[in-house]
Amino acid sequence: MTLSLFALIPLLIYLGFFIFIVYVVVTILKLMRQKNEYLKEIRDELRINNSVN
């Protein structure tokens, strides 16, 4: 019984590592999307300022 529990430990480690990688990728994608929104706002402001001048 104890040997079967020890056999699950590597599986749990790999599962945890996979979940961590997915979390990091999702977080990076959210940050990139937010950065793109900021850049779009800056672009729009510059277009408005250039059209006024």
PDB file of N, CA and C in Angstrom:
ATOM      1  N   MET A   1       0.825  -1.201   0.000  1.00  0.00           N
ATOM      2  CA  MET A   1       0.000   0.000   0.000  1.00  0.00           C
ATOM      3  C   MET A   1       0.865   1.259   0.000  1.00  0.00           C
ATOM      4  N   THR A   2       1.900   1.282   0.806  1.00  0.00           N
ATOM      5  CA  THR A   2       2.738   2.483   0.868  1.00  0.00           C
ATOM      6  C   THR A   2       3.519   2.667  -0.424  1.00  0.00           C
ATOM      7  N   LEU A   3       3.887   1.568  -1.080  1.00  0.00           N
ATOM      8  CA  LEU A   3       4.611   1.709  -2.346  1.00  0.00           C
ATOM      9  C   LEU A   3       3.731   2.325  -3.426  1.00  0.00           C
ATOM     10  N   SER A   4       2.454   2.020  -3.409  1.00  0.00           N
ATOM     11  CA  SER A   4       1.568   2.609  -4.407  1.00  0.00           C
ATOM     12  C   SER A   4       1.373   4.108  -4.151  1.00  0.00           C
ATOM     13  N   LEU A   5       1.419   4.507  -2.886  1.00  0.00           N
ATOM     14  CA  LEU A   5       1.326   5.938  -2.588  1.00  0.00           C
ATOM     15  C   LEU A   5       2.582   6.663  -3.038  1.00  0.00           C
ATOM     16  N   PHE A   6       3.742   6.021  -2.866  1.00  0.00           N
ATOM     17  CA  PHE A   6       4.989   6.633  -3.320  1.00  0.00           C
ATOM     18  C   PHE A   6       5.037   6.717  -4.841  1.00  0.00           C
ATOM     19  N   ALA A   7       4.354   5.826  -5.514  1.00  0.00           N
ATOM     20  CA  ALA A   7       4.327   5.864  -6.975  1.00  0.00           C
ATOM     21  C   ALA A   7       3.502   7.045  -7.478  1.00  0.00           C
ATOM     22  N   LEU A   8       2.588   7.539  -6.672  1.00  0.00           N
ATOM     23  CA  LEU A   8       1.770   8.688  -7.078  1.00  0.00           C
ATOM     24  C   LEU A   8       2.500  10.016  -6.947  1.00  0.00           C
ATOM     25  N   ILE A   9       3.536  10.059  -6.156  1.00  0.00           N
ATOM     26  CA  ILE A   9       4.240  11.326  -5.907  1.00  0.00           C
ATOM     27  C   ILE A   9       4.803  11.923  -7.202  1.00  0.00           C
ATOM     28  N   PRO A  10       5.507  11.169  -8.040  1.00  0.00           N
ATOM     29  CA  PRO A  10       5.989  11.783  -9.301  1.00  0.00           C
ATOM     30  C   PRO A  10       4.843  12.259 -10.193  1.00  0.00           C
ATOM     31  N   LEU A  11       3.764  11.514 -10.202  1.00  0.00           N
ATOM     32  CA  LEU A  11       2.610  11.935 -11.002  1.00  0.00           C
ATOM     33  C   LEU A  11       2.049  13.258 -10.493  1.00  0.00           C
ATOM     34  N   LEU A  12       1.965  13.407  -9.191  1.00  0.00           N
ATOM     35  CA  LEU A  12       1.476  14.661  -8.615  1.00  0.00           C
ATOM     36  C   LEU A  12       2.438  15.818  -8.896  1.00  0.00           C
ATOM     37  N   ILE A  13       3.714  15.522  -8.894  1.00  0.00           N
ATOM     38  CA  ILE A  13       4.708  16.564  -9.190  1.00  0.00           C
ATOM     39  C   ILE A  13       4.556  17.031 -10.634  1.00  0.00           C
ATOM     40  N   TYR A  14       4.422  16.093 -11.565  1.00  0.00           N
ATOM     41  CA  TYR A  14       4.232  16.461 -12.966  1.00  0.00           C
ATOM     42  C   TYR A  14       2.926  17.219 -13.166  1.00  0.00           C
ATOM     43  N   LEU A  15       1.890  16.802 -12.501  1.00  0.00           N
ATOM     44  CA  LEU A  15       0.605  17.482 -12.603  1.00  0.00           C
ATOM     45  C   LEU A  15       0.703  18.909 -12.073  1.00  0.00           C
ATOM     46  N   GLY A  16       1.377  19.073 -10.936  1.00  0.00           N
ATOM     47  CA  GLY A  16       1.573  20.407 -10.380  1.00  0.00           C
ATOM     48  C   GLY A  16       2.393  21.283 -11.300  1.00  0.00           C
ATOM     49  N   PHE A  17       3.427  20.711 -11.898  1.00  0.00           N
ATOM     50  CA  PHE A  17       4.262  21.463 -12.832  1.00  0.00           C
ATOM     51  C   PHE A  17       3.444  21.891 -14.041  1.00  0.00           C
ATOM     52  N   PHE A  18       2.611  21.013 -14.573  1.00  0.00           N
ATOM     53  CA  PHE A  18       1.765  21.328 -15.723  1.00  0.00           C
ATOM     54  C   PHE A  18       0.782  22.446 -15.384  1.00  0.00           C
ATOM     55  N   ILE A  19       0.172  22.370 -14.223  1.00  0.00           N
ATOM     56  CA  ILE A  19      -0.778  23.405 -13.801  1.00  0.00           C
ATOM     57  C   ILE A  19      -0.065  24.742 -13.638  1.00  0.00           C
ATOM     58  N   PHE A  20       1.141  24.725 -13.107  1.00  0.00           N
ATOM     59  CA  PHE A  20       1.921  25.954 -12.948  1.00  0.00           C
ATOM     60  C   PHE A  20       2.242  26.573 -14.305  1.00  0.00           C
ATOM     61  N   ILE A  21       2.627  25.763 -15.266  1.00  0.00           N
ATOM     62  CA  ILE A  21       2.947  26.268 -16.599  1.00  0.00           C
ATOM     63  C   ILE A  21       1.704  26.886 -17.247  1.00  0.00           C
ATOM     64  N   VAL A  22       0.569  26.232 -17.108  1.00  0.00           N
ATOM     65  CA  VAL A  22      -0.670  26.777 -17.670  1.00  0.00           C
ATOM     66  C   VAL A  22      -0.995  28.112 -17.010  1.00  0.00           C
ATOM     67  N   TYR A  23      -0.820  28.211 -15.697  1.00  0.00           N
ATOM     68  CA  TYR A  23      -1.078  29.457 -14.982  1.00  0.00           C
ATOM     69  C   TYR A  23      -0.167  30.576 -15.493  1.00  0.00           C
ATOM     70  N   VAL A  24       1.103  30.279 -15.687  1.00  0.00           N
ATOM     71  CA  VAL A  24       2.052  31.286 -16.154  1.00  0.00           C
ATOM     72  C   VAL A  24       1.679  31.750 -17.558  1.00  0.00           C
ATOM     73  N   VAL A  25       1.321  30.831 -18.433  1.00  0.00           N
ATOM     74  CA  VAL A  25       0.958  31.197 -19.798  1.00  0.00           C
ATOM     75  C   VAL A  25      -0.295  32.076 -19.809  1.00  0.00           C
ATOM     76  N   VAL A  26      -1.291  31.716 -19.023  1.00  0.00           N
ATOM     77  CA  VAL A  26      -2.529  32.507 -18.969  1.00  0.00           C
ATOM     78  C   VAL A  26      -2.243  33.899 -18.420  1.00  0.00           C
ATOM     79  N   THR A  27      -1.410  33.990 -17.397  1.00  0.00           N
ATOM     80  CA  THR A  27      -1.066  35.290 -16.817  1.00  0.00           C
ATOM     81  C   THR A  27      -0.321  36.159 -17.826  1.00  0.00           C
ATOM     82  N   ILE A  28       0.619  35.567 -18.552  1.00  0.00           N
ATOM     83  CA  ILE A  28       1.367  36.330 -19.553  1.00  0.00           C
ATOM     84  C   ILE A  28       0.437  36.817 -20.659  1.00  0.00           C
ATOM     85  N   LEU A  29      -0.478  35.967 -21.089  1.00  0.00           N
ATOM     86  CA  LEU A  29      -1.423  36.385 -22.129  1.00  0.00           C
ATOM     87  C   LEU A  29      -2.310  37.527 -21.656  1.00  0.00           C
ATOM     88  N   LYS A  30      -2.740  37.487 -20.405  1.00  0.00           N
ATOM     89  CA  LYS A  30      -3.556  38.583 -19.870  1.00  0.00           C
ATOM     90  C   LYS A  30      -2.762  39.883 -19.827  1.00  0.00           C
ATOM     91  N   LEU A  31      -1.503  39.805 -19.399  1.00  0.00           N
ATOM     92  CA  LEU A  31      -0.673  41.006 -19.342  1.00  0.00           C
ATOM     93  C   LEU A  31      -0.415  41.570 -20.739  1.00  0.00           C
ATOM     94  N   MET A  32      -0.195  40.694 -21.708  1.00  0.00           N
ATOM     95  CA  MET A  32       0.020  41.163 -23.077  1.00  0.00           C
ATOM     96  C   MET A  32      -1.232  41.824 -23.636  1.00  0.00           C
ATOM     97  N   ARG A  33      -2.391  41.264 -23.332  1.00  0.00           N
ATOM     98  CA  ARG A  33      -3.649  41.854 -23.796  1.00  0.00           C
ATOM     99  C   ARG A  33      -3.847  43.233 -23.175  1.00  0.00           C
ATOM    100  N   GLN A  34      -3.531  43.370 -21.879  1.00  0.00           N
ATOM    101  CA  GLN A  34      -3.671  44.654 -21.200  1.00  0.00           C
ATOM    102  C   GLN A  34      -2.708  45.677 -21.800  1.00  0.00           C
ATOM    103  N   LYS A  35      -1.481  45.243 -22.081  1.00  0.00           N
ATOM    104  CA  LYS A  35      -0.501  46.139 -22.675  1.00  0.00           C
ATOM    105  C   LYS A  35      -0.966  46.607 -24.049  1.00  0.00           C
ATOM    106  N   ASN A  36      -1.552  45.712 -24.827  1.00  0.00           N
ATOM    107  CA  ASN A  36      -2.061  46.090 -26.142  1.00  0.00           C
ATOM    108  C   ASN A  36      -3.196  47.093 -26.031  1.00  0.00           C
ATOM    109  N   GLU A  37      -4.044  46.944 -25.028  1.00  0.00           N
ATOM    110  CA  GLU A  37      -5.125  47.913 -24.821  1.00  0.00           C
ATOM    111  C   GLU A  37      -4.559  49.293 -24.508  1.00  0.00           C
ATOM    112  N   TYR A  38      -3.529  49.341 -23.644  1.00  0.00           N
ATOM    113  CA  TYR A  38      -2.901  50.623 -23.325  1.00  0.00           C
ATOM    114  C   TYR A  38      -2.290  51.252 -24.575  1.00  0.00           C
ATOM    115  N   LEU A  39      -1.628  50.435 -25.374  1.00  0.00           N
ATOM    116  CA  LEU A  39      -1.015  50.961 -26.590  1.00  0.00           C
ATOM    117  C   LEU A  39      -2.070  51.465 -27.572  1.00  0.00           C
ATOM    118  N   LYS A  40      -3.203  50.795 -27.656  1.00  0.00           N
ATOM    119  CA  LYS A  40      -4.285  51.263 -28.524  1.00  0.00           C
ATOM    120  C   LYS A  40      -4.821  52.605 -28.048  1.00  0.00           C
ATOM    121  N   GLU A  41      -4.941  52.771 -26.732  1.00  0.00           N
ATOM    122  CA  GLU A  41      -5.408  54.050 -26.192  1.00  0.00           C
ATOM    123  C   GLU A  41      -4.419  55.163 -26.515  1.00  0.00           C
ATOM    124  N   ILE A  42      -3.144  54.880 -26.373  1.00  0.00           N
ATOM    125  CA  ILE A  42      -2.121  55.880 -26.689  1.00  0.00           C
ATOM    126  C   ILE A  42      -2.160  56.216 -28.173  1.00  0.00           C
ATOM    127  N   ARG A  43      -2.307  55.205 -29.020  1.00  0.00           N
ATOM    128  CA  ARG A  43      -2.393  55.427 -30.460  1.00  0.00           C
ATOM    129  C   ARG A  43      -3.581  56.311 -30.806  1.00  0.00           C
ATOM    130  N   ASP A  44      -4.717  56.024 -30.197  1.00  0.00           N
ATOM    131  CA  ASP A  44      -5.911  56.821 -30.478  1.00  0.00           C
ATOM    132  C   ASP A  44      -5.732  58.271 -30.036  1.00  0.00           C
ATOM    133  N   GLU A  45      -5.119  58.462 -28.880  1.00  0.00           N
ATOM    134  CA  GLU A  45      -4.866  59.831 -28.404  1.00  0.00           C
ATOM    135  C   GLU A  45      -3.921  60.568 -29.349  1.00  0.00           C
ATOM    136  N   LEU A  46      -2.889  59.880 -29.818  1.00  0.00           N
ATOM    137  CA  LEU A  46      -1.961  60.529 -30.746  1.00  0.00           C
ATOM    138  C   LEU A  46      -2.643  60.870 -32.065  1.00  0.00           C
ATOM    139  N   ARG A  47      -3.511  60.017 -32.535  1.00  0.00           N
ATOM    140  CA  ARG A  47      -4.253  60.313 -33.770  1.00  0.00           C
ATOM    141  C   ARG A  47      -5.147  61.529 -33.597  1.00  0.00           C
ATOM    142  N   ILE A  48      -5.799  61.606 -32.447  1.00  0.00           N
ATOM    143  CA  ILE A  48      -6.667  62.759 -32.183  1.00  0.00           C
ATOM    144  C   ILE A  48      -5.847  64.031 -32.120  1.00  0.00           C
ATOM    145  N   ASN A  49      -4.710  63.986 -31.422  1.00  0.00           N
ATOM    146  CA  ASN A  49      -3.855  65.173 -31.308  1.00  0.00           C
ATOM    147  C   ASN A  49      -3.276  65.577 -32.665  1.00  0.00           C
ATOM    148  N   ASN A  50      -2.929  64.624 -33.496  1.00  0.00           N
ATOM    149  CA  ASN A  50      -2.369  64.939 -34.814  1.00  0.00           C
ATOM    150  C   ASN A  50      -3.429  65.491 -35.753  1.00  0.00           C
ATOM    151  N   SER A  51      -4.646  65.028 -35.619  1.00  0.00           N
ATOM    152  CA  SER A  51      -5.696  65.542 -36.510  1.00  0.00           C
ATOM    153  C   SER A  51      -6.107  66.957 -36.129  1.00  0.00           C
ATOM    154  N   VAL A  52      -5.984  67.315 -34.861  1.00  0.00           N
ATOM    155  CA  VAL A  52      -6.317  68.666 -34.411  1.00  0.00           C
ATOM    156  C   VAL A  52      -5.267  69.651 -34.918  1.00  0.00           C
ATOM    157  N   ASN A  53      -4.019  69.248 -34.899  1.00  0.00           N
ATOM    158  CA  ASN A  53      -2.929  70.146 -35.317  1.00  0.00           C
ATOM    159  C   ASN A  53      -2.885  70.159 -36.790  1.00  0.00           C
TER     160      ASN A  53
END
